[in-house]
Amino acid sequence: MPHKEKQTPPPKEITQVGRQTWKHLSEVHRYGYDNFQVFRDFIDTALYALLSMTYNLRFPDLPERLRQNKLEGPYEEEYLKIVARYRENKDRPHGQRPADHFGHAWGALQMETHEYGHDVLGDIFMRELSQGDHGQFFTPVPLCDMMAHLTGLAEGETATDPACGSGRFFISLSKLNPNLSYVGVDLSDLCAKMTVLNMWMFDLNADIYCGDSLSQEMHRLWKVRRGGYVYELDPEERLAPPVRRTEQKAEPIEVPILDEAHTWKLGQQSLFDLGEFTQPQQRRLKQK
C-alpha cells in the first residue's frame, strides 16, 4: 500500500478568518434561504449602502440625514427591494431580522478585515461558497504579496488587473505603496462588487469594471475614492460627472465621509437600518 504523506492542516488563524462575519450570515440561512443568495444579497446591500451615502452628498443637510437615518434615492430603493424579499424582516423582532444579521455581518467584516489586514471577504467566499458549482479560487495571499514586491510600481502609478477576483492583488500592492491607483476588471459581477467593497475598506482609489477584459466589453463601472466615496456609472458615462448636478447644490463636506461617520458613532452601519426602520421605510416595506 503506497505511503501517503500526511498533510499539514492550515494554521488555526487562517481557518478562523471571517468566521464572525459568516456566523451572522448563517443566521439568515437558518430561515431557509440559500447560502449563495444570502451572500450575494449581503454584498449588494453593503454596496447599495455605500452608494447611497455618496448619492446623498448632493443634499446640503446630509449630516442631519445621517443622524436620522433618512437617506433617499435610487440606491435606498434597491436596498429596500432586497430587504422585502426576506419575509422575516416583517414579522421577526428587532435583532432577529435578516436585515439585522446583514448589518452585524457588515460590522464584523470591517473589524476582521482590519484585524487580519487582507482579503477576508475573498476568504469567506472561497471557504464557504466556491466549492463545487461555483468553483472560483483566488490567488493565495502570499503569492499576491510576492507579485506585489516584483511589480515595483512607483508613487502615483496605476496598477491594473484584468481578472481582479476580490481585489487581493491590489491589497498586497497597497501595503507597499498606499498612494497607487488601481484599475480592475472581472467578468463576474459578484467578484467585481467584492473588489469594490475591499477597495472601500482599505481606503484606496480604484476604478473597478464588471466586464470582459478580452473583448473589452464593459457592463458597469464603480469608482472608489479615498475618504469613503463610491460612485456607480455606466462605462460610457465614465467621463461624466459622478453625481448629476441639481439646482440645489450641496455644500462641500470638509471632512471625508469615513471620519464624519466615525465622529457621529454611526458608521456605515447606519445605512443598514440596524435600529427601527424609519416610518417612511416601514410604510414602503409593507407595500412590497
Protein backbone atom coordinates (compact mmCIF):
# COMPACT_ATOMS: atom_id res chain seq x y z
CA MET A 1 0.00 0.00 0.00
CA PRO A 2 1.61 3.30 -1.06
CA HIS A 3 2.65 5.67 1.66
CA LYS A 4 0.55 8.78 1.86
CA GLU A 5 2.29 11.88 3.02
CA LYS A 6 0.48 13.43 5.94
CA GLN A 7 -0.93 16.83 5.05
CA THR A 8 -0.34 19.67 7.46
CA PRO A 9 -3.59 21.44 8.31
CA PRO A 10 -3.65 25.20 7.76
CA PRO A 11 -2.87 27.34 10.80
CA LYS A 12 -5.82 27.97 13.06
CA GLU A 13 -5.68 31.72 12.44
CA ILE A 14 -6.22 31.15 8.70
CA THR A 15 -9.22 28.85 9.16
CA GLN A 16 -10.75 31.37 11.55
CA VAL A 17 -10.56 34.32 9.14
CA GLY A 18 -14.04 35.69 8.54
CA ARG A 19 -15.75 33.32 11.00
CA GLN A 20 -17.61 36.08 12.81
CA THR A 21 -18.90 37.56 9.56
CA TRP A 22 -20.06 34.17 8.32
CA LYS A 23 -21.70 33.40 11.66
CA HIS A 24 -24.07 36.33 11.18
CA LEU A 25 -24.82 35.40 7.56
CA SER A 26 -25.51 31.81 8.62
CA GLU A 27 -28.29 33.10 10.84
CA VAL A 28 -30.12 34.23 7.68
CA HIS A 29 -29.52 30.80 6.08
CA ARG A 30 -31.29 29.19 9.05
CA TYR A 31 -34.54 30.74 7.86
CA GLY A 32 -34.32 28.52 4.78
CA TYR A 33 -32.53 30.78 2.32
CA ASP A 34 -29.77 29.58 0.01
CA ASN A 35 -26.30 30.41 1.33
CA PHE A 36 -25.05 31.71 -2.02
CA GLN A 37 -28.06 34.01 -2.44
CA VAL A 38 -27.66 35.25 1.13
CA PHE A 39 -24.03 36.12 0.42
CA ARG A 40 -24.92 37.86 -2.84
CA ASP A 41 -27.64 39.88 -1.12
CA PHE A 42 -25.20 40.80 1.64
CA ILE A 43 -22.72 42.12 -0.92
CA ASP A 44 -25.45 44.05 -2.73
CA THR A 45 -26.88 45.63 0.42
CA ALA A 46 -23.41 46.69 1.56
CA LEU A 47 -22.64 48.23 -1.82
CA TYR A 48 -26.02 49.97 -2.04
CA ALA A 49 -25.42 51.42 1.42
CA LEU A 50 -22.11 52.94 0.35
CA LEU A 51 -23.51 54.18 -2.95
CA SER A 52 -26.45 55.74 -1.13
CA MET A 53 -24.08 57.66 1.14
CA THR A 54 -22.29 59.16 -1.85
CA TYR A 55 -25.53 59.82 -3.73
CA ASN A 56 -26.87 61.84 -0.82
CA LEU A 57 -23.87 64.19 -0.91
CA ARG A 58 -26.00 66.34 -3.19
CA PHE A 59 -28.15 67.38 -0.23
CA PRO A 60 -26.89 70.20 1.98
CA ASP A 61 -28.39 68.57 5.09
CA LEU A 62 -26.52 65.27 4.69
CA PRO A 63 -25.19 65.26 8.29
CA GLU A 64 -28.75 65.55 9.64
CA ARG A 65 -30.00 62.89 7.21
CA LEU A 66 -27.30 60.55 8.50
CA ARG A 67 -28.14 61.20 12.12
CA GLN A 68 -31.80 60.43 11.48
CA ASN A 69 -31.11 57.60 9.02
CA LYS A 70 -33.22 59.28 6.35
CA LEU A 71 -31.17 58.91 3.20
CA GLU A 72 -33.07 58.74 -0.08
CA GLY A 73 -32.55 57.97 -3.74
CA PRO A 74 -32.33 55.00 -6.12
CA TYR A 75 -29.87 53.03 -4.00
CA GLU A 76 -32.13 53.20 -0.97
CA GLU A 77 -34.91 51.83 -3.17
CA GLU A 78 -32.72 48.96 -4.38
CA TYR A 79 -31.73 48.19 -0.82
CA LEU A 80 -35.38 48.03 0.25
CA LYS A 81 -36.18 45.67 -2.62
CA ILE A 82 -33.68 43.19 -1.20
CA VAL A 83 -34.99 43.69 2.34
CA ALA A 84 -38.53 42.99 1.14
CA ARG A 85 -37.53 39.57 -0.22
CA TYR A 86 -36.93 38.34 3.32
CA ARG A 87 -40.34 37.87 4.91
CA GLU A 88 -38.79 37.63 8.39
CA ASN A 89 -37.96 41.35 8.19
CA LYS A 90 -41.68 41.98 8.67
CA ASP A 91 -42.56 39.58 11.47
CA ARG A 92 -39.38 38.88 13.43
CA PRO A 93 -38.47 41.04 16.45
CA HIS A 94 -35.70 43.59 16.24
CA GLY A 95 -32.33 41.84 16.41
CA GLN A 96 -33.56 38.66 14.71
CA ARG A 97 -34.41 40.04 11.27
CA PRO A 98 -32.25 39.20 8.24
CA ALA A 99 -31.60 42.95 7.88
CA ASP A 100 -30.13 42.94 11.41
CA HIS A 101 -27.90 39.97 10.63
CA PHE A 102 -26.70 41.63 7.41
CA GLY A 103 -25.84 44.74 9.37
CA HIS A 104 -23.98 42.81 12.06
CA ALA A 105 -22.12 40.86 9.35
CA TRP A 106 -21.02 44.12 7.71
CA GLY A 107 -19.69 45.40 11.02
CA ALA A 108 -17.89 42.10 11.69
CA LEU A 109 -16.39 42.11 8.19
CA GLN A 110 -14.88 45.54 8.73
CA MET A 111 -13.44 44.54 12.09
CA GLU A 112 -12.00 41.26 10.79
CA THR A 113 -10.56 42.94 7.70
CA HIS A 114 -8.86 45.49 9.93
CA GLU A 115 -7.61 42.74 12.26
CA TYR A 116 -6.12 40.45 9.60
CA GLY A 117 -5.14 43.15 7.09
CA HIS A 118 -6.01 41.20 3.95
CA ASP A 119 -8.88 39.93 1.80
CA VAL A 120 -11.21 38.47 4.43
CA LEU A 121 -14.18 38.74 2.08
CA GLY A 122 -12.49 36.57 -0.55
CA ASP A 123 -11.51 34.02 2.08
CA ILE A 124 -15.13 33.71 3.19
CA PHE A 125 -16.29 33.29 -0.39
CA MET A 126 -13.77 30.55 -1.19
CA ARG A 127 -14.11 28.63 2.06
CA GLU A 128 -17.88 28.71 2.39
CA LEU A 129 -19.25 29.06 -1.15
CA SER A 130 -16.91 28.50 -4.06
CA GLN A 131 -16.72 24.71 -3.83
CA GLY A 132 -18.48 22.60 -6.47
CA ASP A 133 -20.75 24.52 -8.81
CA HIS A 134 -19.20 27.93 -8.28
CA GLY A 135 -15.59 26.74 -8.33
CA GLN A 136 -13.80 30.10 -8.03
CA PHE A 137 -10.46 30.23 -6.26
CA PHE A 138 -8.46 33.42 -5.91
CA THR A 139 -4.68 33.83 -5.92
CA PRO A 140 -3.27 32.94 -2.47
CA VAL A 141 -2.30 35.98 -0.41
CA PRO A 142 1.42 35.02 -0.11
CA LEU A 143 1.64 34.79 -3.90
CA CYS A 144 -0.10 38.16 -4.24
CA ASP A 145 2.43 39.62 -1.80
CA MET A 146 5.31 38.20 -3.82
CA MET A 147 3.88 39.58 -7.08
CA ALA A 148 3.45 42.98 -5.43
CA HIS A 149 7.16 43.02 -4.49
CA LEU A 150 8.14 42.09 -8.04
CA THR A 151 5.94 44.73 -9.65
CA GLY A 152 7.92 47.67 -8.32
CA LEU A 153 5.37 50.41 -9.03
CA ALA A 154 6.38 53.95 -8.16
CA GLU A 155 4.42 56.57 -6.26
CA GLY A 156 1.34 57.72 -8.15
CA GLU A 157 1.40 54.98 -10.79
CA THR A 158 -1.60 52.82 -11.72
CA ALA A 159 -1.85 49.06 -11.22
CA THR A 160 -4.19 47.05 -13.42
CA ASP A 161 -5.61 43.55 -13.05
CA PRO A 162 -7.71 42.15 -15.94
CA ALA A 163 -9.16 39.38 -13.72
CA CYS A 164 -9.17 41.02 -10.30
CA GLY A 165 -11.31 38.49 -8.41
CA SER A 166 -11.88 40.00 -4.99
CA GLY A 167 -9.09 42.57 -5.34
CA ARG A 168 -6.45 40.88 -3.19
CA PHE A 169 -3.56 41.74 -5.53
CA PHE A 170 -4.42 45.42 -5.10
CA ILE A 171 -4.50 44.97 -1.32
CA SER A 172 -0.99 43.47 -1.42
CA LEU A 173 0.25 46.38 -3.54
CA SER A 174 -1.28 48.91 -1.15
CA LYS A 175 0.77 47.51 1.73
CA LEU A 176 3.94 48.52 -0.12
CA ASN A 177 2.71 51.80 -1.54
CA PRO A 178 -0.58 53.29 -0.33
CA ASN A 179 -0.53 56.03 -2.97
CA LEU A 180 -1.15 53.96 -6.08
CA SER A 181 -4.29 53.95 -8.22
CA TYR A 182 -5.98 50.76 -9.33
CA VAL A 183 -8.00 49.60 -12.32
CA GLY A 184 -9.59 46.16 -12.04
CA VAL A 185 -11.87 44.12 -14.30
CA ASP A 186 -13.77 40.93 -13.62
CA LEU A 187 -16.34 39.09 -15.68
CA SER A 188 -18.28 38.16 -12.54
CA ASP A 189 -20.39 40.98 -11.16
CA LEU A 190 -20.15 39.40 -7.70
CA CYS A 191 -16.35 39.40 -7.79
CA ALA A 192 -16.26 42.97 -9.07
CA LYS A 193 -18.53 44.06 -6.23
CA MET A 194 -16.35 42.27 -3.67
CA THR A 195 -13.37 44.19 -5.04
CA VAL A 196 -15.29 47.45 -4.68
CA LEU A 197 -16.04 46.71 -1.02
CA ASN A 198 -12.42 45.76 -0.38
CA MET A 199 -11.16 48.95 -2.01
CA TRP A 200 -13.51 50.92 0.23
CA MET A 201 -12.45 49.08 3.38
CA PHE A 202 -8.75 49.63 2.59
CA ASP A 203 -9.44 53.26 1.58
CA LEU A 204 -7.91 53.06 -1.91
CA ASN A 205 -8.50 54.93 -5.18
CA ALA A 206 -9.80 52.42 -7.72
CA ASP A 207 -11.89 52.05 -10.87
CA ILE A 208 -13.49 48.61 -10.92
CA TYR A 209 -15.26 47.29 -14.01
CA CYS A 210 -17.61 44.37 -14.45
CA GLY A 211 -16.81 43.22 -17.96
CA ASP A 212 -14.74 41.10 -20.32
CA SER A 213 -11.06 42.05 -20.49
CA LEU A 214 -10.57 40.09 -23.73
CA SER A 215 -13.43 41.60 -25.74
CA GLN A 216 -13.17 44.97 -23.92
CA GLU A 217 -16.94 44.87 -23.40
CA MET A 218 -17.72 46.52 -20.08
CA HIS A 219 -21.09 46.49 -18.34
CA ARG A 220 -20.65 48.52 -15.17
CA LEU A 221 -18.08 50.78 -13.55
CA TRP A 222 -17.61 51.63 -9.90
CA LYS A 223 -15.28 54.43 -8.86
CA VAL A 224 -13.94 54.19 -5.31
CA ARG A 225 -12.26 57.27 -3.90
CA ARG A 226 -10.38 57.71 -0.65
CA GLY A 227 -12.38 59.09 2.20
CA GLY A 228 -15.36 56.75 1.81
CA TYR A 229 -16.79 57.63 -1.61
CA VAL A 230 -18.22 55.11 -4.09
CA TYR A 231 -19.82 56.07 -7.42
CA GLU A 232 -21.56 53.79 -9.91
CA LEU A 233 -21.53 54.57 -13.63
CA ASP A 234 -22.27 53.02 -16.97
CA PRO A 235 -18.88 52.62 -18.68
CA GLU A 236 -19.87 55.08 -21.43
CA GLU A 237 -20.51 57.68 -18.71
CA ARG A 238 -17.01 57.39 -17.26
CA LEU A 239 -16.10 60.92 -18.36
CA ALA A 240 -19.31 62.42 -17.00
CA PRO A 241 -19.62 63.93 -13.50
CA PRO A 242 -20.18 61.10 -10.99
CA VAL A 243 -23.16 62.91 -9.48
CA ARG A 244 -25.63 64.73 -11.69
CA ARG A 245 -25.92 68.36 -10.79
CA THR A 246 -29.15 69.67 -9.37
CA GLU A 247 -30.45 73.17 -8.91
CA GLN A 248 -29.79 72.88 -5.20
CA LYS A 249 -26.06 72.31 -4.88
CA ALA A 250 -24.69 70.65 -1.79
CA GLU A 251 -22.09 72.44 0.23
CA PRO A 252 -18.76 70.56 0.24
CA ILE A 253 -18.09 68.46 3.31
CA GLU A 254 -14.72 69.40 4.78
CA VAL A 255 -14.03 66.04 6.43
CA PRO A 256 -14.25 62.81 4.39
CA ILE A 257 -17.30 60.62 4.92
CA LEU A 258 -15.44 57.99 6.92
CA ASP A 259 -14.18 60.48 9.51
CA GLU A 260 -17.55 62.19 9.79
CA ALA A 261 -19.40 58.89 10.22
CA HIS A 262 -16.98 57.70 12.88
CA THR A 263 -17.27 61.03 14.67
CA TRP A 264 -21.04 60.60 14.84
CA LYS A 265 -20.53 56.99 16.01
CA LEU A 266 -22.87 55.89 13.25
CA GLY A 267 -20.50 54.39 10.71
CA GLN A 268 -21.79 52.86 7.51
CA GLN A 269 -23.95 50.52 9.60
CA SER A 270 -26.48 53.34 9.95
CA LEU A 271 -27.33 52.70 6.31
CA PHE A 272 -28.44 49.17 7.13
CA ASP A 273 -31.39 50.30 9.24
CA LEU A 274 -29.98 48.42 12.24
CA GLY A 275 -32.40 50.18 14.56
CA GLU A 276 -36.07 50.54 13.89
CA PHE A 277 -36.91 51.30 10.27
CA THR A 278 -37.77 54.92 9.76
CA GLN A 279 -41.50 55.45 9.29
CA PRO A 280 -41.28 56.09 5.50
CA GLN A 281 -39.21 52.93 5.13
CA GLN A 282 -41.67 50.91 7.20
CA ARG A 283 -44.53 52.04 5.01
CA ARG A 284 -42.64 51.27 1.80
CA LEU A 285 -41.55 47.86 3.09
CA LYS A 286 -45.13 46.89 3.98
CA GLN A 287 -46.25 47.85 0.49
CA LYS A 288 -43.79 45.45 -1.16
